[in-house]
């Protein structure tokens, strides 16, 4: 499961995606629009800034903005930044591999084999959906246009 911090981060980034190219957005505006506690949002945005997803401009006319176009930022990037690796086990991770302490034979470990498939399927989905994709889907749903969910096979 993803944390509330990650859910709030995604909501804030969707709002920033909708404002992309129109200048910075005040933290208070994001907090009000997305019903996120302002102090918590400030911490989240600092993490997003440290991860290179957003930047800030201080002072009058300041606020936060995406550093990259919304069609170039994936949901997978955001989740990795906020939560860490996607893999359910360290031995199944691409970015933070670590052999499990209790492992007898990693090469023939059935659990590792399954968790690698889970990790790969999860990454395939999350790394191919951008902030722009999500915003577009939400807009279509608000207009009453039902979109068929793509079929993913694990």
Protein backbone atom coordinates (compact mmCIF):
# COMPACT_ATOMS: atom_id res chain seq x y z
CA UNK A 1 0.00 0.00 0.00
CA UNK A 2 1.11 3.53 -0.58
CA UNK A 3 1.18 6.02 2.26
CA UNK A 4 -1.01 9.07 2.73
CA UNK A 5 2.13 11.12 2.06
CA UNK A 6 2.43 9.57 -1.41
CA UNK A 7 -1.29 9.98 -2.14
CA UNK A 8 -1.08 13.66 -1.18
CA UNK A 9 2.06 14.10 -3.25
CA UNK A 10 0.33 12.66 -6.31
CA UNK A 11 -2.68 14.92 -5.79
CA UNK A 12 -0.44 17.98 -5.47
CA UNK A 13 1.49 17.00 -8.59
CA UNK A 14 -1.72 16.48 -10.57
CA UNK A 15 -2.73 20.02 -9.66
CA UNK A 16 0.70 21.33 -10.66
CA UNK A 17 0.42 19.37 -13.91
CA UNK A 18 -2.85 21.16 -14.68
CA UNK A 19 -1.12 24.51 -14.06
CA UNK A 20 2.06 23.59 -15.97
CA UNK A 21 3.41 26.53 -17.94
CA UNK A 22 1.26 29.08 -16.10
CA UNK A 23 3.76 29.94 -13.37
CA UNK A 24 4.15 28.83 -9.77
CA UNK A 25 1.22 27.82 -7.56
CA UNK A 26 1.03 28.84 -3.92
CA UNK A 27 1.23 26.09 -1.31
CA UNK A 28 -1.96 27.44 0.28
CA UNK A 29 -3.81 27.12 -3.04
CA UNK A 30 -2.68 23.50 -3.46
CA UNK A 31 -3.63 22.72 0.14
CA UNK A 32 -7.07 24.30 -0.25
CA UNK A 33 -7.86 22.73 -3.63
CA UNK A 34 -6.68 19.24 -2.70
CA UNK A 35 -7.73 19.25 0.98
CA UNK A 36 -4.19 18.57 2.20
CA UNK A 37 -2.98 19.96 5.55
CA UNK A 38 -0.64 22.82 4.65
CA UNK A 39 2.22 21.89 7.00
CA UNK A 40 2.18 18.28 5.76
CA UNK A 41 2.04 19.51 2.16
CA UNK A 42 5.09 21.73 2.73
CA UNK A 43 7.09 18.69 3.89
CA UNK A 44 5.88 16.65 0.93
CA UNK A 45 6.82 19.38 -1.53
CA UNK A 46 10.29 19.66 0.03
CA UNK A 47 10.79 15.94 -0.64
CA UNK A 48 9.50 16.39 -4.20
CA UNK A 49 11.87 19.33 -4.64
CA UNK A 50 14.84 17.36 -3.32
CA UNK A 51 13.90 14.61 -5.79
CA UNK A 52 13.84 17.07 -8.68
CA UNK A 53 10.13 16.82 -9.45
CA UNK A 54 9.26 20.38 -8.44
CA UNK A 55 10.99 23.66 -7.89
CA UNK A 56 9.92 26.71 -5.94
CA UNK A 57 10.06 30.43 -6.37
CA UNK A 58 10.05 32.53 -3.20
CA UNK A 59 8.27 35.81 -2.67
CA UNK A 60 5.49 37.58 -4.50
CA UNK A 61 4.30 35.54 -7.46
CA UNK A 62 6.09 32.56 -6.01
CA UNK A 63 5.07 29.03 -5.26
CA UNK A 64 5.77 25.58 -6.69
CA UNK A 65 5.88 24.30 -10.24
CA UNK A 66 6.83 21.07 -11.99
CA UNK A 67 10.40 20.99 -13.27
CA UNK A 68 9.45 18.68 -16.14
CA UNK A 69 6.45 18.52 -18.45
CA UNK A 70 3.58 16.44 -17.02
CA UNK A 71 3.81 13.99 -19.91
CA UNK A 72 7.38 13.15 -18.88
CA UNK A 73 6.78 12.48 -15.16
CA UNK A 74 5.53 8.98 -14.38
CA UNK A 75 3.55 7.80 -11.40
CA UNK A 76 6.34 5.26 -10.86
CA UNK A 77 8.89 8.05 -10.41
CA UNK A 78 6.72 9.71 -7.79
CA UNK A 79 6.06 6.51 -5.86
CA UNK A 80 9.75 5.55 -5.86
CA UNK A 81 10.70 9.00 -4.60
CA UNK A 82 8.16 8.96 -1.79
CA UNK A 83 8.10 5.25 -0.87
CA UNK A 84 11.33 3.74 -2.16
CA UNK A 85 11.66 0.67 -4.38
CA UNK A 86 8.55 -0.91 -5.90
CA UNK A 87 9.64 -4.48 -5.16
CA UNK A 88 7.91 -6.22 -2.25
CA UNK A 89 11.20 -7.90 -1.27
CA UNK A 90 14.72 -6.44 -1.35
CA UNK A 91 15.99 -9.39 -3.43
CA UNK A 92 13.42 -8.56 -6.13
CA UNK A 93 14.39 -4.90 -6.40
CA UNK A 94 16.07 -3.36 -9.44
CA UNK A 95 17.20 -0.21 -7.66
CA UNK A 96 17.79 -1.37 -4.08
CA UNK A 97 18.75 -5.03 -4.43
CA UNK A 98 19.77 -6.80 -1.25
CA UNK A 99 19.92 -10.53 -0.66
CA UNK A 100 17.41 -11.70 1.97
CA UNK A 101 19.08 -12.79 5.21
CA UNK A 102 17.14 -16.04 5.41
CA UNK A 103 17.70 -17.01 1.78
CA UNK A 104 19.10 -20.50 1.20
CA UNK A 105 19.51 -20.37 -2.59
CA UNK A 106 18.52 -17.13 -4.26
CA UNK A 107 18.76 -18.66 -7.74
CA UNK A 108 16.05 -21.22 -7.03
CA UNK A 109 13.95 -19.26 -4.53
CA UNK A 110 10.33 -19.55 -5.64
CA UNK A 111 9.25 -16.55 -3.58
CA UNK A 112 11.88 -14.36 -5.22
CA UNK A 113 10.74 -15.54 -8.67
CA UNK A 114 7.14 -14.58 -7.92
CA UNK A 115 8.08 -11.25 -6.33
CA UNK A 116 10.24 -10.35 -9.36
CA UNK A 117 7.15 -10.87 -11.55
CA UNK A 118 5.08 -8.71 -9.20
CA UNK A 119 7.75 -6.00 -9.25
CA UNK A 120 8.08 -6.12 -13.04
CA UNK A 121 4.31 -5.96 -13.65
CA UNK A 122 3.93 -3.10 -11.17
CA UNK A 123 6.80 -1.17 -12.76
CA UNK A 124 5.41 -1.80 -16.25
CA UNK A 125 2.14 -0.13 -15.28
CA UNK A 126 3.43 2.71 -13.09
CA UNK A 127 6.32 3.63 -15.39
CA UNK A 128 3.98 3.98 -18.37
CA UNK A 129 1.40 6.28 -16.81
CA UNK A 130 2.30 9.95 -16.61
CA UNK A 131 0.83 12.81 -14.64
CA UNK A 132 -0.66 14.08 -17.91
CA UNK A 133 -2.28 10.68 -18.55
CA UNK A 134 -3.94 10.71 -15.14
CA UNK A 135 -5.17 14.29 -15.54
CA UNK A 136 -6.58 13.45 -18.98
CA UNK A 137 -8.38 10.36 -17.63
CA UNK A 138 -9.85 12.32 -14.73
CA UNK A 139 -11.05 15.07 -17.08
CA UNK A 140 -12.73 12.52 -19.33
CA UNK A 141 -14.43 10.86 -16.36
CA UNK A 142 -15.69 14.26 -15.15
CA UNK A 143 -17.18 14.80 -18.60
CA UNK A 144 -18.99 11.49 -18.28
CA UNK A 145 -16.82 9.68 -20.80
CA UNK A 146 -16.16 6.19 -19.51
CA UNK A 147 -12.70 4.92 -20.35
CA UNK A 148 -12.02 1.25 -20.48
CA UNK A 149 -9.24 0.26 -18.13
CA UNK A 150 -6.38 -1.23 -20.08
CA UNK A 151 -6.00 -4.94 -19.52
CA UNK A 152 -2.80 -5.91 -17.73
CA UNK A 153 -1.67 -9.48 -17.41
CA UNK A 154 0.61 -10.59 -14.61
